[in-house]
Every structure is written in C-alpha cells, then in structure tokens.
C-alpha cells in the first residue's frame, strides 16, 4: 500500500584526511576470523627484507565481510570487462619471489 511517495535516499558524508588518502601499498593480505569478526591484515613484502610489518588491519563483522566480498567481486567483474582477464598465478610461496636481486 504505497502512497506514491518514495523514501528519500540519505546522503552519506564521508571525509578523508590527506595522509589516509595517500593509501598503503599491500601485496599480501592475511585473513583470520572468529565467531564474531573477520580480521584482514595488509602487509607490504619487499625483496631482501627479512622482516615485514602489517601496514593496516581492518576488523569487520561477518555481515560487512560478506558485503566487502560482493563489492570486490562486482568491481573485479567491471575491471575485467574494461581491461581484460586478471591473471591468477595460483598460490604464491611466502616470501614472494621478486626475481633476482640487484647489487650496486
């Protein structure tokens, strides 16, 4: 029983500071979960570095983790339509092999 009025969509106002806007590079994500949350650690592994640190940790509810999965999938589908299939090289050994290391 609609009276013809559609509910107004609320605008979400999101701000980002300059440091956060720069982002963090990550070439490894480690995902763990408990009954109530998913924890995603983003790591940047560099060649020749014996120690690597977590650059960012995101903690999500299971519902938000599922929404993130859907959003990533939707964006990958759009990306591949524009740019072609993303190559999946299978499971990579840790540490990642970056090829020969240079010497000066």
N, C-alpha and C. Protein backbone atom coordinates (compact mmCIF):
# COMPACT_ATOMS: atom_id res chain seq x y z
N UNK A 1 0.83 -1.18 0.00
CA UNK A 1 0.00 0.00 0.00
C UNK A 1 0.88 1.25 0.00
N UNK A 2 1.27 1.61 -1.16
CA UNK A 2 2.14 2.75 -1.29
C UNK A 2 1.32 3.99 -1.63
N UNK A 3 1.71 5.10 -1.06
CA UNK A 3 1.01 6.33 -1.38
C UNK A 3 1.73 7.09 -2.51
N UNK A 4 2.66 6.40 -3.17
CA UNK A 4 3.34 7.01 -4.29
C UNK A 4 4.60 7.77 -3.89
N UNK A 5 4.79 7.95 -2.61
CA UNK A 5 5.99 8.65 -2.15
C UNK A 5 7.12 7.65 -1.96
N UNK A 6 8.22 7.91 -2.64
CA UNK A 6 9.38 7.06 -2.47
C UNK A 6 10.20 7.61 -1.30
N UNK A 7 10.75 6.70 -0.49
CA UNK A 7 11.59 7.19 0.61
C UNK A 7 12.81 7.92 0.04
N UNK A 8 13.16 9.03 0.66
CA UNK A 8 14.31 9.79 0.20
C UNK A 8 15.58 9.06 0.60
N UNK A 9 16.51 9.03 -0.34
CA UNK A 9 17.80 8.43 -0.03
C UNK A 9 18.61 9.43 0.77
N UNK A 10 19.17 8.95 1.87
CA UNK A 10 20.01 9.80 2.70
C UNK A 10 21.40 9.86 2.09
N UNK A 11 21.98 11.03 2.05
CA UNK A 11 23.34 11.18 1.57
C UNK A 11 24.30 10.89 2.71
N UNK A 12 25.34 10.18 2.37
CA UNK A 12 26.36 9.83 3.35
C UNK A 12 27.55 10.76 3.13
N UNK A 13 27.92 11.49 4.14
CA UNK A 13 29.02 12.44 4.05
C UNK A 13 30.27 11.78 4.63
N UNK A 14 31.23 11.48 3.76
CA UNK A 14 32.45 10.82 4.20
C UNK A 14 33.63 11.71 3.85
N UNK A 15 34.50 11.95 4.83
CA UNK A 15 35.69 12.76 4.61
C UNK A 15 36.93 11.88 4.75
N UNK A 16 38.02 12.31 4.11
CA UNK A 16 39.28 11.59 4.21
C UNK A 16 40.41 12.60 4.36
N UNK A 17 41.29 12.36 5.33
CA UNK A 17 42.41 13.29 5.51
C UNK A 17 43.51 12.96 4.50
N UNK A 18 44.45 13.89 4.34
CA UNK A 18 45.49 13.74 3.30
C UNK A 18 46.33 12.48 3.49
N UNK A 19 46.72 12.20 4.72
CA UNK A 19 47.57 11.03 4.96
C UNK A 19 46.85 9.74 4.58
N UNK A 20 45.60 9.61 4.99
CA UNK A 20 44.83 8.42 4.67
C UNK A 20 44.59 8.32 3.16
N UNK A 21 44.38 9.45 2.51
CA UNK A 21 44.13 9.47 1.07
C UNK A 21 45.31 8.96 0.27
N UNK A 22 46.53 9.03 0.84
CA UNK A 22 47.71 8.52 0.16
C UNK A 22 47.66 7.00 0.03
N UNK A 23 46.97 6.34 0.95
CA UNK A 23 46.82 4.89 0.91
C UNK A 23 48.07 4.16 1.38
N UNK A 24 47.95 2.86 1.47
CA UNK A 24 49.05 1.98 1.84
C UNK A 24 49.15 0.91 0.77
N UNK A 25 50.35 0.67 0.27
CA UNK A 25 50.56 -0.41 -0.69
C UNK A 25 50.61 -1.74 0.05
N UNK A 26 49.96 -2.74 -0.53
CA UNK A 26 49.97 -4.07 0.05
C UNK A 26 50.04 -5.11 -1.06
N UNK A 27 50.91 -6.10 -0.88
CA UNK A 27 50.95 -7.21 -1.84
C UNK A 27 50.68 -8.55 -1.15
N UNK A 28 50.16 -8.44 0.07
CA UNK A 28 49.78 -9.65 0.81
C UNK A 28 48.67 -9.29 1.80
N UNK A 29 47.61 -10.06 1.79
CA UNK A 29 46.54 -9.89 2.77
C UNK A 29 46.38 -11.22 3.52
N UNK A 30 46.34 -11.13 4.82
CA UNK A 30 46.16 -12.30 5.67
C UNK A 30 44.80 -12.17 6.34
N UNK A 31 43.95 -13.17 6.17
CA UNK A 31 42.59 -13.11 6.69
C UNK A 31 42.40 -14.17 7.77
N UNK A 32 41.90 -13.74 8.91
CA UNK A 32 41.54 -14.63 10.01
C UNK A 32 40.13 -14.29 10.46
N UNK A 33 39.50 -15.21 11.15
CA UNK A 33 38.15 -14.91 11.65
C UNK A 33 37.87 -15.65 12.95
N UNK A 34 36.91 -15.08 13.67
CA UNK A 34 36.37 -15.72 14.86
C UNK A 34 34.86 -15.83 14.63
N UNK A 35 34.13 -16.20 15.64
CA UNK A 35 32.68 -16.30 15.50
C UNK A 35 32.02 -14.94 15.28
N UNK A 36 32.70 -13.86 15.69
CA UNK A 36 32.06 -12.55 15.63
C UNK A 36 32.74 -11.52 14.74
N UNK A 37 33.93 -11.85 14.18
CA UNK A 37 34.62 -10.86 13.37
C UNK A 37 35.59 -11.48 12.39
N UNK A 38 35.87 -10.73 11.33
CA UNK A 38 36.91 -11.06 10.37
C UNK A 38 38.01 -10.02 10.54
N UNK A 39 39.25 -10.48 10.53
CA UNK A 39 40.39 -9.59 10.66
C UNK A 39 41.23 -9.73 9.39
N UNK A 40 41.45 -8.61 8.69
CA UNK A 40 42.27 -8.61 7.47
C UNK A 40 43.50 -7.76 7.74
N UNK A 41 44.66 -8.38 7.69
CA UNK A 41 45.93 -7.69 7.84
C UNK A 41 46.53 -7.49 6.46
N UNK A 42 46.89 -6.24 6.15
CA UNK A 42 47.51 -5.91 4.87
C UNK A 42 49.00 -5.69 5.11
N UNK A 43 49.83 -6.42 4.35
CA UNK A 43 51.28 -6.40 4.52
C UNK A 43 51.91 -6.00 3.20
N UNK A 44 53.03 -5.30 3.29
CA UNK A 44 53.84 -4.98 2.12
C UNK A 44 55.16 -5.72 2.26
N UNK A 45 55.35 -6.75 1.43
CA UNK A 45 56.57 -7.55 1.47
C UNK A 45 57.52 -7.02 0.40
N UNK A 46 58.73 -6.68 0.81
CA UNK A 46 59.72 -6.16 -0.11
C UNK A 46 60.88 -7.14 -0.25
N UNK A 47 61.45 -7.23 -1.46
CA UNK A 47 62.54 -8.17 -1.68
C UNK A 47 63.74 -7.87 -0.78
N UNK A 48 64.33 -8.92 -0.27
CA UNK A 48 65.52 -8.79 0.55
C UNK A 48 65.25 -8.32 1.97
N UNK A 49 64.01 -8.08 2.30
CA UNK A 49 63.68 -7.62 3.64
C UNK A 49 63.33 -8.82 4.51
N UNK A 50 64.13 -9.08 5.55
CA UNK A 50 63.86 -10.24 6.38
C UNK A 50 62.63 -10.07 7.27
N UNK A 51 62.26 -8.83 7.54
CA UNK A 51 61.12 -8.54 8.41
C UNK A 51 60.15 -7.62 7.68
N UNK A 52 58.89 -7.96 7.74
CA UNK A 52 57.86 -7.13 7.11
C UNK A 52 56.77 -6.87 8.14
N UNK A 53 56.21 -5.67 8.09
CA UNK A 53 55.21 -5.30 9.09
C UNK A 53 53.83 -5.19 8.46
N UNK A 54 52.83 -5.44 9.30
CA UNK A 54 51.45 -5.19 8.90
C UNK A 54 51.31 -3.68 8.74
N UNK A 55 50.82 -3.25 7.58
CA UNK A 55 50.65 -1.82 7.30
C UNK A 55 49.29 -1.32 7.75
N UNK A 56 48.31 -2.24 7.72
CA UNK A 56 46.96 -1.85 8.10
C UNK A 56 46.19 -3.09 8.52
N UNK A 57 45.33 -2.93 9.52
CA UNK A 57 44.47 -4.03 9.98
C UNK A 57 43.04 -3.52 9.94
N UNK A 58 42.18 -4.28 9.28
CA UNK A 58 40.77 -3.95 9.19
C UNK A 58 39.98 -5.07 9.88
N UNK A 59 39.10 -4.68 10.80
CA UNK A 59 38.28 -5.65 11.53
C UNK A 59 36.83 -5.42 11.10
N UNK A 60 36.20 -6.50 10.64
CA UNK A 60 34.84 -6.42 10.09
C UNK A 60 33.91 -7.41 10.77
N UNK A 61 32.64 -7.06 10.84
CA UNK A 61 31.65 -8.04 11.24
C UNK A 61 31.49 -9.04 10.09
N UNK A 62 30.98 -10.24 10.35
CA UNK A 62 30.77 -11.19 9.25
C UNK A 62 29.88 -10.61 8.14
N UNK A 63 28.87 -9.83 8.51
CA UNK A 63 27.99 -9.23 7.51
C UNK A 63 28.75 -8.24 6.63
N UNK A 64 29.61 -7.41 7.24
CA UNK A 64 30.38 -6.46 6.45
C UNK A 64 31.45 -7.17 5.61
N UNK A 65 32.00 -8.26 6.12
CA UNK A 65 32.97 -9.03 5.34
C UNK A 65 32.30 -9.58 4.08
N UNK A 66 31.08 -10.05 4.22
CA UNK A 66 30.36 -10.58 3.06
C UNK A 66 30.03 -9.47 2.07
N UNK A 67 29.68 -8.27 2.57
CA UNK A 67 29.44 -7.13 1.68
C UNK A 67 30.72 -6.72 0.96
N UNK A 68 31.86 -6.77 1.67
CA UNK A 68 33.14 -6.45 1.04
C UNK A 68 33.45 -7.46 -0.06
N UNK A 69 33.22 -8.73 0.20
CA UNK A 69 33.43 -9.77 -0.81
C UNK A 69 32.61 -9.48 -2.06
N UNK A 70 31.34 -9.13 -1.88
CA UNK A 70 30.47 -8.82 -3.01
C UNK A 70 30.96 -7.58 -3.76
N UNK A 71 31.34 -6.54 -3.02
CA UNK A 71 31.81 -5.31 -3.65
C UNK A 71 33.10 -5.56 -4.45
N UNK A 72 34.03 -6.34 -3.87
CA UNK A 72 35.26 -6.67 -4.59
C UNK A 72 34.95 -7.47 -5.85
N UNK A 73 34.07 -8.46 -5.73
CA UNK A 73 33.70 -9.27 -6.89
C UNK A 73 33.07 -8.41 -7.98
N UNK A 74 32.13 -7.54 -7.61
CA UNK A 74 31.49 -6.65 -8.60
C UNK A 74 32.53 -5.78 -9.30
N UNK A 75 33.48 -5.25 -8.54
CA UNK A 75 34.50 -4.38 -9.13
C UNK A 75 35.49 -5.15 -10.00
N UNK A 76 35.81 -6.39 -9.63
CA UNK A 76 36.69 -7.21 -10.47
C UNK A 76 36.01 -7.52 -11.79
N UNK A 77 34.73 -7.84 -11.76
CA UNK A 77 33.98 -8.11 -12.99
C UNK A 77 34.02 -6.87 -13.89
N UNK A 78 33.77 -5.69 -13.33
CA UNK A 78 33.81 -4.44 -14.11
C UNK A 78 35.21 -4.18 -14.66
N UNK A 79 36.23 -4.39 -13.83
CA UNK A 79 37.62 -4.18 -14.25
C UNK A 79 37.96 -5.08 -15.43
N UNK A 80 37.60 -6.37 -15.32
CA UNK A 80 37.95 -7.32 -16.38
C UNK A 80 37.19 -7.02 -17.67
N UNK A 81 36.00 -6.48 -17.59
CA UNK A 81 35.27 -6.07 -18.80
C UNK A 81 36.01 -4.95 -19.52
N UNK A 82 36.61 -4.04 -18.76
CA UNK A 82 37.33 -2.91 -19.34
C UNK A 82 38.75 -3.25 -19.76
N UNK A 83 39.45 -4.08 -18.96
CA UNK A 83 40.89 -4.24 -19.14
C UNK A 83 41.33 -5.67 -19.48
N UNK A 84 40.41 -6.61 -19.51
CA UNK A 84 40.78 -7.99 -19.78
C UNK A 84 40.96 -8.79 -18.49
N UNK A 85 41.03 -10.09 -18.68
CA UNK A 85 41.10 -11.01 -17.54
C UNK A 85 42.36 -10.77 -16.71
N UNK A 86 42.19 -10.79 -15.40
CA UNK A 86 43.31 -10.69 -14.46
C UNK A 86 43.93 -12.09 -14.34
N UNK A 87 45.23 -12.18 -14.56
CA UNK A 87 45.92 -13.47 -14.46
C UNK A 87 46.05 -13.89 -13.01
N UNK A 88 45.68 -15.11 -12.73
CA UNK A 88 45.86 -15.68 -11.40
C UNK A 88 46.98 -16.69 -11.49
N UNK A 89 48.07 -16.44 -10.78
CA UNK A 89 49.24 -17.30 -10.87
C UNK A 89 49.22 -18.39 -9.81
N UNK A 90 48.07 -18.62 -9.21
CA UNK A 90 47.96 -19.68 -8.21
C UNK A 90 48.57 -19.26 -6.89
N UNK A 91 48.74 -20.21 -6.02
CA UNK A 91 49.27 -19.93 -4.70
C UNK A 91 50.75 -19.56 -4.79
N UNK A 92 51.08 -18.43 -4.21
CA UNK A 92 52.47 -17.97 -4.21
C UNK A 92 53.16 -18.41 -2.93
N UNK A 93 54.41 -18.77 -3.06
CA UNK A 93 55.20 -19.14 -1.88
C UNK A 93 55.49 -17.88 -1.07
N UNK A 94 55.57 -18.05 0.23
CA UNK A 94 55.94 -16.94 1.12
C UNK A 94 57.35 -17.21 1.58
N UNK A 95 58.31 -16.35 1.46
CA UNK A 95 58.17 -15.00 0.92
C UNK A 95 58.00 -15.03 -0.59
N UNK A 96 57.38 -13.98 -1.11
CA UNK A 96 57.16 -13.88 -2.55
C UNK A 96 58.49 -13.77 -3.27
N UNK A 97 58.58 -14.38 -4.42
CA UNK A 97 59.79 -14.32 -5.21
C UNK A 97 59.71 -13.14 -6.17
N UNK A 98 60.55 -12.15 -5.95
CA UNK A 98 60.56 -10.96 -6.79
C UNK A 98 61.59 -11.08 -7.91
N UNK A 99 62.22 -12.24 -8.06
CA UNK A 99 63.25 -12.41 -9.09
C UNK A 99 64.61 -12.07 -8.53
N UNK A 100 65.58 -11.96 -9.44
CA UNK A 100 66.94 -11.68 -8.98
C UNK A 100 67.02 -10.33 -8.26
N UNK A 101 67.85 -10.28 -7.24
CA UNK A 101 68.06 -9.02 -6.53
C UNK A 101 69.25 -8.31 -7.13
N UNK A 102 69.17 -7.00 -7.19
CA UNK A 102 70.24 -6.21 -7.79
C UNK A 102 71.35 -5.94 -6.79
N UNK A 103 72.54 -5.71 -7.32
CA UNK A 103 73.67 -5.34 -6.49
C UNK A 103 74.29 -4.09 -7.07
N UNK A 104 74.78 -3.22 -6.21
CA UNK A 104 75.40 -1.99 -6.69
C UNK A 104 76.90 -2.15 -6.71
